[in-house]
Structure formats: C-alpha cells, structure tokens
Protein backbone atom coordinates (compact mmCIF):
# COMPACT_ATOMS: atom_id res chain seq x y z
CA MET A 1 90.55 142.98 27.69
CA SER A 2 88.24 142.59 24.79
CA LEU A 3 86.14 139.52 24.58
CA THR A 4 85.67 140.04 20.72
CA ARG A 5 85.85 136.91 18.62
CA PRO A 6 87.65 138.06 15.53
CA LEU A 7 86.52 136.72 12.26
CA SER A 8 89.32 134.50 10.61
CA THR A 9 89.28 135.30 7.03
CA SER A 10 92.16 132.72 5.84
CA ALA A 11 89.50 129.91 5.00
CA VAL A 12 86.64 132.33 3.59
CA ASN A 13 85.84 132.56 0.01
CA LYS A 14 85.95 136.17 0.08
CA THR A 15 84.33 136.30 -3.67
CA ALA A 16 81.57 134.03 -2.66
CA VAL A 17 80.96 136.11 0.64
CA LEU A 18 80.88 139.46 -1.37
CA ALA A 19 78.56 138.11 -4.05
CA THR A 20 76.14 136.85 -1.50
CA LEU A 21 76.00 139.93 0.50
CA CYS A 22 75.39 142.09 -2.76
CA LEU A 23 72.51 139.54 -3.44
CA ALA A 24 71.07 140.36 0.03
CA VAL A 25 71.44 143.90 -0.57
CA PHE A 26 69.69 143.43 -3.88
CA VAL A 27 66.79 141.60 -2.16
CA VAL A 28 66.35 144.50 0.37
CA ASN A 29 66.43 147.16 -2.10
CA VAL A 30 64.39 145.72 -4.86
CA SER A 31 61.61 145.15 -2.44
CA THR A 32 61.13 148.94 -2.33
CA THR A 33 61.72 149.58 -6.05
CA VAL A 34 59.46 146.79 -7.30
CA ILE A 35 56.60 148.04 -5.20
CA ASN A 36 56.71 151.50 -6.46
CA ILE A 37 56.25 150.43 -10.37
CA ALA A 38 53.14 148.69 -9.01
CA LEU A 39 51.48 151.73 -7.31
CA PRO A 40 49.23 152.71 -10.33
CA THR A 41 48.12 149.14 -10.65
CA LEU A 42 47.26 148.98 -7.03
CA VAL A 43 45.03 152.01 -7.40
CA ARG A 44 43.09 149.99 -10.06
CA GLU A 45 43.32 146.62 -8.61
CA LEU A 46 43.01 147.29 -4.73
CA GLY A 47 41.26 150.63 -5.13
CA ALA A 48 44.21 152.33 -2.90
CA SER A 49 44.20 155.99 -2.53
CA THR A 50 47.26 158.19 -2.45
CA ARG A 51 47.25 157.82 1.44
CA ASP A 52 47.34 154.02 0.96
CA LEU A 53 50.18 154.32 -1.51
CA LEU A 54 52.02 156.12 0.77
CA TRP A 55 51.70 153.50 3.67
CA ILE A 56 52.24 150.66 1.34
CA VAL A 57 55.72 152.03 0.64
CA ASP A 58 56.47 153.52 3.95
CA ALA A 59 55.29 150.67 6.05
CA PHE A 60 58.40 148.72 4.85
CA ASN A 61 60.70 151.93 5.26
CA LEU A 62 59.21 152.61 8.71
CA ALA A 63 59.62 149.19 10.08
CA PHE A 64 63.15 148.89 8.65
CA ALA A 65 64.13 152.28 10.02
CA ALA A 66 62.73 151.62 13.44
CA LEU A 67 64.10 148.27 13.91
CA VAL A 68 67.48 148.45 12.13
CA LEU A 69 69.61 149.64 15.19
CA ALA A 70 68.12 146.59 17.14
CA GLY A 71 68.97 144.39 14.12
CA GLY A 72 72.62 145.51 14.13
CA SER A 73 72.91 145.00 17.89
CA LEU A 74 71.27 141.73 17.87
CA SER A 75 73.67 140.36 15.11
CA ASP A 76 76.60 141.50 17.04
CA ARG A 77 75.24 139.81 20.08
CA PHE A 78 73.97 136.45 18.56
CA GLY A 79 75.57 135.94 15.32
CA ARG A 80 75.55 137.97 12.10
CA ARG A 81 74.98 134.92 10.00
CA ARG A 82 72.33 133.53 12.09
CA LEU A 83 70.43 136.80 11.85
CA LEU A 84 70.88 137.03 8.12
CA LEU A 85 69.33 133.62 7.66
CA LEU A 86 66.45 134.46 9.89
CA GLY A 87 65.85 137.78 8.27
CA LEU A 88 65.69 135.94 4.77
CA VAL A 89 63.36 133.31 5.95
CA ILE A 90 60.98 136.14 7.15
CA PHE A 91 61.46 137.99 3.67
CA VAL A 92 60.35 134.77 1.79
CA ALA A 93 57.18 134.41 4.12
CA ALA A 94 56.40 138.08 3.93
CA SER A 95 56.72 138.28 0.11
CA ALA A 96 54.49 135.10 -0.27
CA GLY A 97 51.76 137.00 1.96
CA GLY A 98 52.03 140.24 0.40
CA ALA A 99 51.50 138.57 -3.16
CA LEU A 100 48.15 137.18 -1.95
CA SER A 101 46.79 140.47 -0.41
CA GLY A 102 43.37 141.47 -1.38
CA SER A 103 43.11 144.79 0.27
CA PRO A 104 45.63 147.86 0.96
CA GLY A 105 45.31 147.24 4.59
CA VAL A 106 46.43 143.52 4.33
CA LEU A 107 49.37 144.48 1.84
CA VAL A 108 50.50 147.09 4.30
CA ALA A 109 50.60 144.68 7.22
CA TRP A 110 52.88 142.24 5.12
CA ARG A 111 55.14 145.15 3.85
CA THR A 112 55.73 145.71 7.59
CA LEU A 113 56.81 142.32 8.17
CA ALA A 114 59.10 142.62 5.29
CA GLY A 115 60.55 145.75 6.71
CA VAL A 116 61.25 143.90 9.83
CA ALA A 117 63.19 141.16 7.87
CA ALA A 118 65.06 143.93 6.10
CA ALA A 119 66.24 145.38 9.46
CA LEU A 120 67.59 142.02 10.17
CA VAL A 121 69.29 141.42 6.79
CA TYR A 122 70.72 144.80 5.82
CA PRO A 123 72.94 145.69 8.73
CA VAL A 124 74.41 142.24 8.61
CA THR A 125 75.57 142.67 5.15
CA LEU A 126 77.84 145.54 5.89
CA SER A 127 79.01 144.26 9.23
CA ILE A 128 80.11 141.07 7.69
CA LEU A 129 81.73 142.96 4.73
CA ALA A 130 83.90 145.17 7.38
CA ASN A 131 85.03 142.00 9.29
CA VAL A 132 85.79 140.07 6.17
CA PHE A 133 87.36 143.04 4.00
CA THR A 134 89.90 144.55 6.66
CA ASP A 135 92.29 146.14 4.50
CA ARG A 136 91.14 149.58 3.32
CA THR A 137 92.03 149.30 -0.23
CA GLU A 138 90.13 145.91 -0.38
CA ARG A 139 87.23 147.29 1.59
CA VAL A 140 86.87 150.25 -0.74
CA LYS A 141 86.46 147.84 -3.68
CA ALA A 142 83.93 145.79 -1.78
CA LEU A 143 82.02 148.76 -0.73
CA GLY A 144 81.89 150.01 -4.32
CA LEU A 145 80.18 146.58 -5.41
CA TRP A 146 77.98 146.67 -2.34
CA GLY A 147 76.82 150.07 -3.22
CA ALA A 148 76.42 149.08 -6.90
CA ALA A 149 74.06 146.34 -5.79
CA THR A 150 71.71 149.13 -4.94
CA GLY A 151 71.78 150.47 -8.44
CA LEU A 152 71.28 147.02 -9.86
CA ALA A 153 68.14 146.64 -7.56
CA VAL A 154 66.80 150.05 -8.68
CA ALA A 155 67.32 148.92 -12.25
CA THR A 156 65.89 145.44 -12.03
CA GLY A 157 62.94 146.28 -9.89
CA PRO A 158 61.06 148.57 -12.27
CA VAL A 159 61.95 146.59 -15.41
CA VAL A 160 61.20 143.16 -13.99
CA GLY A 161 58.33 144.34 -11.94
CA GLY A 162 56.85 146.15 -14.99
CA ALA A 163 57.31 143.22 -17.17
CA LEU A 164 55.59 140.82 -14.56
CA ILE A 165 52.55 143.21 -13.95
CA GLU A 166 51.78 143.36 -17.80
CA HIS A 167 51.99 139.59 -18.20
CA PHE A 168 50.73 138.29 -14.82
CA TRP A 169 48.89 139.65 -11.79
CA TRP A 170 50.51 142.62 -9.67
CA GLY A 171 51.44 139.99 -6.73
CA SER A 172 53.84 138.25 -9.03
CA ILE A 173 56.46 141.21 -8.38
CA LEU A 174 56.42 139.91 -4.57
CA VAL A 175 56.88 136.26 -5.67
CA PHE A 176 59.96 137.57 -7.75
CA ASN A 177 61.26 139.11 -4.51
CA GLY A 178 60.60 136.00 -2.44
CA ILE A 179 62.44 133.69 -5.03
CA ALA A 180 65.41 136.21 -4.91
CA ALA A 181 65.36 135.90 -1.00
CA ALA A 182 65.17 132.13 -1.21
CA PHE A 183 68.23 131.92 -3.53
CA THR A 184 70.14 134.32 -1.09
CA LEU A 185 69.16 132.18 1.83
CA PHE A 186 70.61 129.25 0.09
CA PHE A 187 74.02 130.91 -0.75
CA ALA A 188 74.21 132.47 2.66
CA ALA A 189 73.84 129.13 4.37
CA ARG A 190 76.66 127.81 2.32
CA PHE A 191 79.21 130.72 2.17
CA ILE A 192 78.71 133.28 4.91
CA PRO A 193 80.94 132.85 8.03
CA GLU A 194 79.61 133.14 11.59
CA SER A 195 81.06 136.27 13.63
CA ARG A 196 79.72 138.15 16.56
CA ASP A 197 80.92 140.21 19.50
CA PRO A 198 80.42 138.17 22.74
CA ALA A 199 80.91 141.53 24.60
CA THR A 200 77.82 143.30 22.98
CA PRO A 201 75.76 144.69 25.83
CA PRO A 202 71.94 143.59 26.41
CA LEU A 203 69.35 145.09 24.01
CA ASP A 204 68.08 148.55 24.94
CA TYR A 205 64.41 147.77 25.01
CA VAL A 206 63.32 151.24 26.35
CA GLY A 207 65.45 153.03 23.66
CA LEU A 208 63.99 150.53 20.97
CA VAL A 209 60.30 151.53 22.21
CA LEU A 210 61.07 155.34 22.27
CA SER A 211 62.72 155.39 18.83
CA THR A 212 59.74 153.41 17.27
CA VAL A 213 57.17 155.63 18.83
CA ALA A 214 59.12 158.86 17.82
CA LEU A 215 59.60 157.80 14.22
CA GLY A 216 56.18 156.22 13.95
CA THR A 217 54.40 159.38 15.24
CA LEU A 218 56.24 161.71 12.99
CA VAL A 219 55.62 159.67 9.80
CA TYR A 220 52.12 159.06 10.67
CA SER A 221 51.58 162.80 11.36
CA ILE A 222 53.01 163.61 8.01
CA ILE A 223 51.16 161.09 5.91
CA GLU A 224 47.86 162.22 7.54
CA ALA A 225 48.51 165.77 7.19
CA PRO A 226 47.10 166.32 3.57
CA ASP A 227 43.70 164.85 4.95
CA ARG A 228 43.85 166.62 8.38
CA GLY A 229 45.39 169.87 7.42
CA TRP A 230 49.05 170.83 8.10
CA GLY A 231 48.14 173.22 10.74
CA SER A 232 45.27 171.19 12.19
CA PRO A 233 45.51 170.11 16.03
CA PRO A 234 45.97 166.42 15.47
CA THR A 235 48.98 167.17 12.99
CA VAL A 236 50.51 169.81 15.30
CA ILE A 237 50.15 167.52 18.25
CA GLY A 238 51.72 164.54 16.25
CA PHE A 239 54.67 166.78 15.61
CA VAL A 240 54.98 167.78 19.30
CA VAL A 241 54.62 164.22 20.52
CA ALA A 242 57.31 163.07 18.07
CA ALA A 243 59.82 165.90 19.17
CA VAL A 244 59.17 165.22 22.88
CA VAL A 245 59.63 161.52 22.60
CA SER A 246 62.77 162.10 20.47
CA THR A 247 64.22 164.30 23.13
CA VAL A 248 63.45 161.67 25.88
CA PHE A 249 65.05 158.99 23.66
CA VAL A 250 68.35 161.15 23.22
CA ILE A 251 68.39 161.72 27.15
CA HIS A 252 67.73 157.96 27.90
CA GLU A 253 70.58 156.93 25.45
CA ILE A 254 72.84 159.29 26.85
CA ARG A 255 72.14 158.10 30.45
CA SER A 256 71.98 154.48 29.66
CA ASP A 257 74.95 152.11 30.33
CA HIS A 258 74.12 150.25 27.27
CA PRO A 259 72.57 152.47 24.79
CA MET A 260 71.07 151.06 21.70
CA LEU A 261 72.42 154.19 19.78
CA ASP A 262 75.52 155.72 21.29
CA VAL A 263 74.46 159.35 20.48
CA ARG A 264 77.90 160.69 21.56
CA LEU A 265 79.01 159.55 18.16
CA PHE A 266 76.96 162.42 16.80
CA ALA A 267 79.29 164.88 18.69
CA ASN A 268 81.72 163.97 16.19
CA MET A 269 80.67 166.17 13.33
CA ARG A 270 82.58 164.14 10.74
CA PHE A 271 79.97 161.20 11.80
CA THR A 272 77.12 163.63 11.70
CA ALA A 273 77.89 165.06 8.34
CA ALA A 274 78.25 161.63 6.67
CA SER A 275 75.03 160.46 8.28
CA GLY A 276 73.30 163.68 7.18
CA ALA A 277 74.63 163.23 3.63
CA VAL A 278 73.34 159.68 3.30
CA THR A 279 69.82 160.73 4.86
CA GLY A 280 69.60 163.71 2.55
CA GLY A 281 70.41 161.56 -0.67
CA PHE A 282 68.00 158.86 0.15
CA PHE A 283 65.20 161.34 1.25
CA ALA A 284 65.44 162.64 -2.19
CA LEU A 285 65.87 159.40 -4.04
CA PHE A 286 62.84 157.37 -2.59
CA GLY A 287 60.55 160.52 -2.80
CA PHE A 288 61.51 161.05 -6.40
CA ILE A 289 60.92 157.32 -7.36
CA PHE A 290 57.63 157.51 -5.64
CA LEU A 291 56.46 160.50 -7.79
CA VAL A 292 58.05 159.59 -11.00
CA THR A 293 56.68 156.18 -11.47
CA GLN A 294 53.22 157.84 -11.07
CA TYR A 295 54.23 160.75 -13.59
CA PHE A 296 55.05 158.18 -16.26
CA GLN A 297 52.07 156.02 -15.84
CA PHE A 298 49.24 158.47 -15.15
CA VAL A 299 50.48 161.51 -16.68
CA ARG A 300 52.29 160.38 -19.72
CA GLY A 301 50.18 157.27 -20.11
CA TYR A 302 52.91 154.71 -20.22
CA GLY A 303 52.51 150.92 -19.24
CA ALA A 304 54.44 149.49 -16.23
CA LEU A 305 57.15 147.90 -18.35
CA GLU A 306 57.59 151.06 -20.45
CA THR A 307 57.92 152.92 -17.25
CA GLY A 308 60.46 150.48 -15.71
CA VAL A 309 62.54 150.74 -18.89
CA ARG A 310 62.46 154.60 -18.79
CA ILE A 311 63.72 154.74 -15.16
CA LEU A 312 66.72 152.65 -15.93
CA PRO A 313 69.15 155.59 -16.39
CA VAL A 314 68.77 156.38 -12.58
CA ALA A 315 69.72 152.99 -11.74
CA GLY A 316 72.60 152.82 -14.29
CA SER A 317 74.22 156.05 -12.97
CA ILE A 318 73.78 155.14 -9.46
CA ALA A 319 75.78 151.83 -10.09
CA VAL A 320 78.53 153.47 -12.01
CA ALA A 321 78.94 156.34 -9.64
CA ALA A 322 78.93 153.82 -6.65
CA LEU A 323 81.75 152.07 -8.31
CA VAL A 324 84.11 154.95 -9.08
CA GLY A 325 82.93 157.35 -6.21
CA PRO A 326 85.01 155.39 -3.41
CA ARG A 327 88.19 155.52 -5.58
CA ILE A 328 87.83 159.10 -6.45
CA ALA A 329 87.34 159.76 -2.69
CA VAL A 330 90.53 158.04 -1.94
CA ALA A 331 92.33 160.21 -4.39
CA ILE A 332 90.93 163.58 -3.76
CA GLY A 333 89.06 163.35 -0.43
CA THR A 334 85.70 162.37 0.76
CA LYS A 335 84.32 165.94 1.40
CA VAL A 336 84.81 166.93 -2.26
CA VAL A 337 83.08 163.85 -3.78
CA VAL A 338 80.23 163.76 -1.30
CA ALA A 339 79.53 167.41 -1.42
CA PHE A 340 79.55 167.27 -5.31
CA GLY A 341 77.18 164.36 -5.21
CA LEU A 342 74.73 166.30 -2.99
CA PHE A 343 75.24 169.43 -5.16
CA SER A 344 74.42 167.41 -8.35
CA LEU A 345 71.16 166.08 -6.68
CA SER A 346 70.07 169.75 -5.78
CA VAL A 347 70.68 170.71 -9.38
CA ALA A 348 68.79 167.70 -10.61
CA PHE A 349 65.76 168.47 -8.65
CA VAL A 350 65.55 172.04 -9.23
CA TRP A 351 65.76 171.28 -13.05
CA ALA A 352 63.06 168.45 -12.49
CA SER A 353 60.70 171.10 -10.82
CA THR A 354 60.44 172.69 -14.19
CA LEU A 355 59.00 169.66 -15.90
CA SER A 356 55.54 169.83 -17.72
CA ALA A 357 52.96 167.13 -18.63
CA ASP A 358 54.57 166.72 -22.14
CA ALA A 359 58.14 167.33 -21.37
CA ASP A 360 60.58 165.60 -23.76
CA TYR A 361 62.02 162.40 -22.43
CA TRP A 362 65.51 163.17 -23.37
CA VAL A 363 65.18 166.02 -20.83
CA ILE A 364 64.06 163.64 -18.20
CA LEU A 365 66.71 161.32 -19.06
CA LEU A 366 69.32 163.96 -18.39
CA GLN A 367 67.84 164.80 -15.16
CA MET A 368 67.73 161.19 -14.01
CA LEU A 369 71.44 160.63 -14.92
CA LEU A 370 72.16 163.60 -12.96
CA LEU A 371 70.35 162.47 -10.00
CA GLY A 372 71.56 158.79 -10.03
CA GLY A 373 75.15 159.99 -10.25
CA GLY A 374 74.57 162.17 -7.14
CA ILE A 375 73.36 159.49 -5.21
CA GLY A 376 76.19 157.07 -6.14
CA LEU A 377 78.74 159.61 -5.41
CA THR A 378 77.10 160.41 -2.03
CA GLY A 379 76.27 157.03 -0.60
CA THR A 380 79.19 154.94 -0.84
CA PRO A 381 81.96 157.27 0.27
CA ALA A 382 79.75 158.54 3.08
CA THR A 383 79.00 155.06 4.20
CA GLU A 384 82.81 154.25 4.30
CA ALA A 385 83.13 157.47 6.46
CA ILE A 386 80.25 156.16 8.77
CA MET A 387 81.86 152.83 9.14
CA GLY A 388 85.18 154.29 9.77
CA VAL A 389 84.01 155.71 13.11
CA VAL A 390 83.23 152.33 14.63
CA SER A 391 85.70 149.45 15.20
CA PRO A 392 85.33 146.10 13.28
CA ASP A 393 83.94 144.37 16.56
CA LYS A 394 81.09 146.90 16.52
CA ALA A 395 80.49 146.59 12.94
CA GLY A 396 76.91 145.67 13.48
CA MET A 397 76.24 148.99 15.53
CA GLY A 398 77.95 150.92 12.93
CA SER A 399 76.28 149.40 9.89
CA ALA A 400 72.76 149.67 11.63
CA VAL A 401 73.30 153.51 12.10
CA ASN A 402 74.26 153.71 8.29
CA ASP A 403 71.36 151.85 7.36
CA ALA A 404 69.16 153.66 9.71
CA THR A 405 70.11 157.00 8.23
CA ARG A 406 69.28 155.51 4.73
CA GLU A 407 65.86 154.38 5.83
CA LEU A 408 64.96 157.24 7.74
CA GLY A 409 65.73 159.57 4.87
CA GLY A 410 63.86 157.20 2.57
CA THR A 411 60.74 156.88 4.91
CA LEU A 412 60.57 160.74 5.45
CA GLY A 413 61.33 161.29 1.76
CA VAL A 414 58.34 159.27 0.59
CA ALA A 415 56.25 160.87 3.59
CA VAL A 416 57.18 164.34 3.07
CA ILE A 417 57.46 164.67 -0.71
CA GLY A 418 54.49 162.42 -1.22
CA SER A 419 52.35 164.33 1.25
CA VAL A 420 53.56 167.79 -0.01
CA ALA A 421 52.73 166.77 -3.61
CA LEU A 422 49.28 165.53 -2.68
CA SER A 423 48.48 168.66 -0.79
CA ALA A 424 49.60 170.91 -3.94
CA TYR A 425 47.64 168.48 -6.17
CA ARG A 426 44.45 169.03 -4.06
CA ASP A 427 45.04 172.85 -3.94
CA HIS A 428 45.08 172.92 -7.75
CA LEU A 429 42.00 170.72 -8.06
CA ASP A 430 38.81 172.59 -7.64
CA VAL A 431 36.52 169.60 -6.82
CA GLY A 432 33.48 171.76 -6.35
CA SER A 433 33.35 172.40 -10.17
CA PHE A 434 32.70 168.61 -10.76
CA PRO A 435 29.69 166.48 -10.23
CA GLU A 436 29.25 164.79 -6.83
CA PRO A 437 30.12 161.26 -7.86
CA LEU A 438 33.45 162.53 -9.29
CA ARG A 439 34.50 164.87 -6.30
CA GLU A 440 35.73 162.18 -3.73
CA PRO A 441 37.88 159.92 -6.11
CA ALA A 442 39.27 163.11 -7.81
CA SER A 443 40.53 164.44 -4.41
CA GLU A 444 42.19 160.89 -3.37
CA SER A 445 44.75 160.78 -6.11
CA VAL A 446 45.39 161.52 -9.76
CA GLY A 447 44.87 157.87 -10.53
CA ALA A 448 41.52 157.69 -9.00
CA ALA A 449 40.74 160.91 -10.68
CA LEU A 450 41.56 159.35 -14.21
CA PHE A 451 39.54 156.41 -13.52
CA ALA A 452 36.48 158.65 -12.33
CA ALA A 453 36.95 160.68 -15.75
CA ASP A 454 36.89 157.43 -17.65
CA ARG A 455 33.51 156.56 -15.96
CA ALA A 456 32.01 160.14 -16.44
CA ALA A 457 30.64 159.36 -19.90
CA GLU A 458 28.71 156.21 -18.42
CA LEU A 459 27.25 158.39 -15.53
CA PHE A 460 26.39 161.58 -17.47
CA GLY A 461 26.27 160.75 -21.10
CA GLN A 462 27.97 163.12 -23.76
CA ALA A 463 28.03 165.94 -21.08
CA GLY A 464 30.06 163.39 -18.94
CA ALA A 465 32.55 162.82 -21.56
CA ASP A 466 33.20 166.53 -21.73
CA VAL A 467 33.61 166.63 -17.69
CA GLY A 468 35.68 163.59 -17.83
CA ALA A 469 38.22 165.19 -20.32
CA ARG A 470 38.26 168.38 -18.21
CA LEU A 471 38.96 166.50 -14.97
CA THR A 472 41.68 164.48 -16.74
CA GLU A 473 43.44 167.63 -18.01
CA VAL A 474 43.02 169.25 -14.29
CA ALA A 475 44.17 166.07 -12.53
CA ARG A 476 47.35 165.73 -14.70
CA VAL A 477 48.37 169.39 -14.42
CA GLY A 478 47.65 169.14 -10.70
CA PHE A 479 49.89 166.23 -10.39
CA VAL A 480 52.64 167.98 -12.14
CA ASP A 481 52.23 170.83 -9.93
CA GLY A 482 52.56 168.86 -7.07
CA MET A 483 55.53 166.93 -8.38
CA SER A 484 57.29 170.29 -8.99
CA LEU A 485 56.82 171.38 -5.25
CA GLY A 486 57.91 167.97 -4.14
CA CYS A 487 61.18 168.31 -6.29
CA MET A 488 62.00 171.82 -4.74
CA VAL A 489 61.63 170.34 -1.25
CA ALA A 490 63.97 167.37 -2.14
CA GLY A 491 66.51 169.91 -3.80
CA GLY A 492 66.41 172.08 -0.63
CA VAL A 493 67.28 168.93 1.64
CA THR A 494 70.04 167.95 -0.49
CA ALA A 495 71.60 171.45 -0.69
CA ALA A 496 71.50 171.70 3.16
CA ALA A 497 73.22 168.34 3.42
CA ALA A 498 75.80 169.54 0.79
CA VAL A 499 76.54 172.59 3.15
CA LEU A 500 76.78 170.41 6.16
CA THR A 501 79.38 168.25 4.25
CA LEU A 502 81.47 171.11 3.20
CA ILE A 503 81.69 172.33 6.64
CA PHE A 504 82.17 169.39 8.71
CA LEU A 505 83.22 166.41 6.67
CA PRO A 506 87.13 165.94 6.55
CA ALA A 507 88.67 165.77 3.08
CA HIS A 508 90.91 162.75 4.25
CA PRO A 509 91.10 160.04 6.90
CA VAL A 510 92.45 161.12 10.23
CA ALA A 511 93.95 159.42 13.16
CA HIS A 512 92.09 157.31 15.58
CA ASP A 513 93.10 159.36 18.66
CA ASP A 514 91.87 162.67 17.03
CA ILE A 515 88.42 161.11 16.68
CA ASP A 516 88.31 160.01 20.25
CA ALA A 517 89.43 163.32 21.37
CA GLU A 518 86.49 165.10 19.84
CA LEU A 519 84.16 163.06 21.88
CA PRO A 520 82.96 164.64 25.05
CA GLY A 521 84.18 162.42 27.93
CA PRO A 522 83.12 158.92 27.02
CA ASP A 523 82.59 156.66 29.92
CA ASP A 524 83.50 153.01 29.75
CA ALA A 525 80.23 152.15 28.09
CA THR A 526 80.83 154.68 25.32
CA GLU A 527 84.39 153.73 24.82
CA SER A 528 83.27 150.29 23.76
CA THR A 529 81.31 151.81 20.86
CA VAL A 530 83.21 154.95 19.90
CA ALA A 531 85.52 154.68 16.70
CA ARG A 532 88.84 153.07 16.80
CA GLY A 533 88.58 153.31 12.88
CA SER A 534 89.13 156.38 10.91
CA ALA A 535 86.57 158.85 9.78
CA ARG A 536 86.61 159.80 5.99
C-alpha cells in the first residue's frame, strides 16, 4: 500500500503557486544569463582568463548538475516546500558573497554555492507543479508558463545585467539576483503548500559521490584541455577516469536497493530520447550564450547594455515557442515538435558558423530567432515527456532527472564549446610574432589580447601602436574562427539529438502498462520509481 501523502489542491491558490514557481525558475536561470553578460567586465576588473571565465560559468552549472538528483530525492523525503525555502535562503547568501568577490577564485567558490542552492530549488518547482496541476490540459498550460519563465530570464538577465554594469559595479548583477531570490522566498513561504513522499528511500550517498566525481572529472578535463593539450596524458587520463567512474556509478545504481537514479528508466527509449533532446538543446544554448556575449563586446565593441539588448531575440523566441510548443505537441505529436526544434537549432548553428567579424546584425538576429525558437519547441514538450514517465508521488525524482539533463547539457556545452573555441583561437594566434610582454595575455583570451594591444603603444611607442593594431585584428579574427568551430560542434550535437528523437520518441502518449512492459524486469525498488504516467 502506498504511503504517499497526496497533495490536496482544493485549498491551493494555483495562480499564486504557479507565479511563485515561475519566479523561482527565473531566479535560477537569470543567475546563469546575468553572469554571462559580465564576462568581458570580469576580464578587466578581476583579470580573469578564458579558463577563469569557463569556471565562473561552469562552477554554478557543475554543482547544479551534480546535486540536482539529490535535491529531488531530498525534496520528496523531507518536503518540497521546505527544500525550496532552504535553497532560496542559500541563494540570497551566495549572491551577496559573490557580489563582494575580489578575485576569480573567490567568485568561483560563491558561484559553486549558488549552484548548490539551484539544485535544491529547481527540481522542487517542477515536482510541485506536477502535484498541483494533475489534469493534463491544465498541466500543459502550466508547463508552458514554467518554460516561458526561462525565456524571461534569458531576456532579463542580459538587459538588466548590462544596465547595472554600465551604471554600477559588476557585483550589482548578483545583488539583483539576490533581491529576486529574497522576493521569491517571501512568496514561497506564503503560497507554496507542503508535499512529500514519506515512502522515499534513504539518500544514495555512494551514488551521489560517484556521479559528482564522474561529472567533475569530465568537466575539469575538458576545461583544462586547451592548456594541457587535448591528447596530453593528463587530459586522456581524466577522460578515462570519468568513463570508469561513470560505469561504476551505473553498475552501483542497478544493484542498489535504493538508487539515487533509477537507470532502468533509460531502458525506456522514450525517456532516453526526451532526455537526450533536452541535453542537446541546452548544450547548444549555454555554449552559444557564452560565446555570443564575448563576440558582441570584444569583436563588435558593444557595451554591456547594448549586448544585452541585442541578445533579446533569443529570449523572446524561447518564451513564445515554450508557450505554443506544448499545445502543438498535443495536437500533432511530441516527436514532430521536438525533432523540428532540434533541427531548427542545427540549422541556426550551421548558419552562425559562417559569421564574420563585421556581419550584419540583422543576419545575427534571424539566427538567434531560429535558435531561440528551436530551444522553446524542444525543451517544454520534451520535459512533459520526461515527467510523464514518473508518477506524481515520485515527481521530485522525475523533475531532478529533467533538471540534471538540462544542467549536464549546459555544463558540457560551456566546457566543450568554450574549450574548442579557445583551442581554435590559440591555433589562429601566432603569439611568437608578437613581443614577449604581449604573448602571454594574448594567448589567455581575446579580452586579454585586446587590453594588451591597447597598452602596446605605452610599452613600445609608435611601433607598439602598429603591433597593437595587428594584435587586435588577429585576436578578433581568431575569436570568430573559434566561435565558428564551436557553432559547428553545437550543430552536430543537436542534429544527433534530432535523429534520436525521430527514431525513439513516440508521436503521442501511450498507456501506462506499455511503458512498464518495456522495462527489463523491475524489482520492487524499481517499481516504486518507474513510470505510472504516460510517455510523450
């Protein structure tokens, strides 16, 4: 007999609950987008290298991805409202500490803590939504607004962040994030009902450690690869360790009576295809935002606010597509909508790979509209498919898996695309042809190269001015070359996800028993987490 304590929705103000959950989603997502707009400023103010920038972005994503499964499990066990409030309190503290950071290393530490907070907050939003909005039609509309909150964050982060940076110090963007978290904390305490699953098993500490080590080793090896060399022994060893630990994690989860992640779910290819679609989409999105903010500011010379405004088309198209995508999926099938979204992403990235340093903005605008629309059409319908594979009482686990796929994709997107772009940039940059004082900063990042070029006249007089102009041109062209290669990588990943979607994701929901039948002999522990919902 189930010990699940169902959530009574009769006395719940669903509108207030949904608004609060969307605000919590906004807080988490704006924490990523707002820091991206500050990356060029951090090069100037904190002396951050490209490697530092990768860690400043990925410290948040890595902590989020590593702990989100644990966050979902803890919320099921100890109460979703309680975990939401705790996560928001930590968010406020991490934002305040990050705003006062005086070095890249300190900022990375605070960003890591913010990622821990996100791992507590984000899965709770989707699990509460699934418990409050139990009717499918109602849930589809709620999911559309939930997904649109991501688009709003993508829009607000760069614009508000750009305005704050131009009028205050860079830390003000994190103060803004902390204030948003504080408001969300107030509304959550007032409107969010408590729900939990008393039957939730104990936390799988071994699985948590193994998954964290595997993901951390992989991301670390990727970020360090441009400095160490992609084929160097430390890099290869890092990849091997990540693969071995990942294998041990899977074996442990299969054998565990109470797995943190029921990997048998991935035997259901509907679930795997939906997860792959989300992972591929956010891999591309996070990597693109990491590069395009630097492209606009370093290559095109725009200010932070000008850059934020120019990124708005991505956010707007994500929001619109996230609202209409689920409704179209209900009418014509999830497979078609998600595959079309991923295909749109591939086209957008192949097109973006042809960008030059002086490309017309209207061309970039069309590329961003196509990219944002692809993300919106992919994310929300695929999310509904993932959540359909787990029952409402296990919504925390299902939400955490969905969030893990997003953050895993985003973390690897920044690491892989950023590192590939940096490697291509360095290959293009012949540092040996420049004077010694300019070589090291030129190889660190395009931002450091431009600042070194500005100082060349001070160091070498009139001859230095000529050298500085040449370094500026070479650095900008090199960055564009690296960005083009990064876009090709992103397009390849989304194309592969589109193929997986077309092959395995069903066009329409199927019966619960059909899903259970596809799973290979689940035992009692597995049956408690395997879907009683419907796959989309």
